[in-house]
Amino acid sequence: MRLDDGQIEVLDQAMADVLRQKTPAQRLQIGFALWDSSKRMLTAHLSAEHPDWTPERISQEVVRRLSHGAS
């Protein structure tokens, strides 16, 4: 499957079939779990990369990155 310039991932057909069998609530739960996991991993990464940053500064950077810099 060809990727377009702006496309960074392609959903495998088998995974698409699995997700189609989920209820909307289950799919939403999966999305929230992915968001939470991303937030925790980014927090850990920034804490390791910037040990001098306060927890507040790390939290601000996590929010900035996860919101794509939107304010």
Protein backbone atom coordinates (compact mmCIF):
# COMPACT_ATOMS: atom_id res chain seq x y z
CA MET A 1 0.00 0.00 0.00
CA ARG A 2 1.47 3.34 -1.08
CA LEU A 3 1.83 6.11 1.47
CA ASP A 4 0.98 9.65 0.48
CA ASP A 5 3.39 12.43 1.47
CA GLY A 6 1.15 13.43 4.40
CA GLN A 7 0.31 9.88 5.46
CA ILE A 8 2.40 8.43 8.26
CA GLU A 9 0.62 5.14 8.82
CA VAL A 10 -1.69 2.66 7.15
CA LEU A 11 -4.27 0.62 9.03
CA ASP A 12 -3.88 -3.07 8.34
CA GLN A 13 -7.07 -4.66 6.98
CA ALA A 14 -7.10 -7.29 9.73
CA MET A 15 -6.91 -4.56 12.39
CA ALA A 16 -9.67 -2.61 10.64
CA ASP A 17 -11.85 -5.74 10.80
CA VAL A 18 -11.17 -6.10 14.54
CA LEU A 19 -12.04 -2.44 15.18
CA ARG A 20 -15.26 -2.74 13.16
CA GLN A 21 -16.41 -5.45 15.58
CA LYS A 22 -15.94 -3.15 18.59
CA THR A 23 -18.78 -1.07 19.93
CA PRO A 24 -18.41 2.72 19.76
CA ALA A 25 -17.80 2.73 23.52
CA GLN A 26 -15.03 0.13 23.16
CA ARG A 27 -13.37 2.12 20.38
CA LEU A 28 -13.55 5.27 22.49
CA GLN A 29 -12.03 3.40 25.43
CA ILE A 30 -9.16 2.26 23.18
CA GLY A 31 -8.61 5.85 22.05
CA PHE A 32 -8.54 7.15 25.63
CA ALA A 33 -6.07 4.42 26.61
CA LEU A 34 -3.80 5.37 23.70
CA TRP A 35 -3.99 9.04 24.69
CA ASP A 36 -3.16 8.22 28.31
CA SER A 37 -0.26 6.00 27.27
CA SER A 38 1.13 8.73 25.00
CA LYS A 39 0.88 11.28 27.79
CA ARG A 40 2.65 9.01 30.29
CA MET A 41 5.44 8.11 27.84
CA LEU A 42 6.00 11.73 26.85
CA THR A 43 6.06 12.79 30.50
CA ALA A 44 8.67 10.13 31.29
CA HIS A 45 10.75 11.09 28.24
CA LEU A 46 10.74 14.79 29.06
CA SER A 47 11.53 14.11 32.72
CA ALA A 48 14.58 12.08 31.69
CA GLU A 49 15.69 14.59 29.04
CA HIS A 50 15.21 17.64 31.26
CA PRO A 51 15.86 16.70 34.91
CA ASP A 52 16.12 20.40 35.75
CA TRP A 53 12.52 21.12 34.66
CA THR A 54 9.79 21.39 37.27
CA PRO A 55 6.78 19.07 37.09
CA GLU A 56 4.74 22.10 36.02
CA ARG A 57 7.11 22.84 33.13
CA ILE A 58 7.03 19.21 32.02
CA SER A 59 3.24 19.22 32.14
CA GLN A 60 3.11 22.40 30.05
CA GLU A 61 5.40 20.87 27.44
CA VAL A 62 3.37 17.66 27.33
CA VAL A 63 0.21 19.68 26.73
CA ARG A 64 1.92 21.79 24.07
CA ARG A 65 3.18 18.75 22.17
CA LEU A 66 -0.02 16.75 22.40
CA SER A 67 -2.06 19.72 21.23
CA HIS A 68 0.31 20.28 18.29
CA GLY A 69 1.33 23.62 19.77
CA ALA A 70 -2.22 24.99 19.81
CA SER A 71 -2.94 27.49 22.52
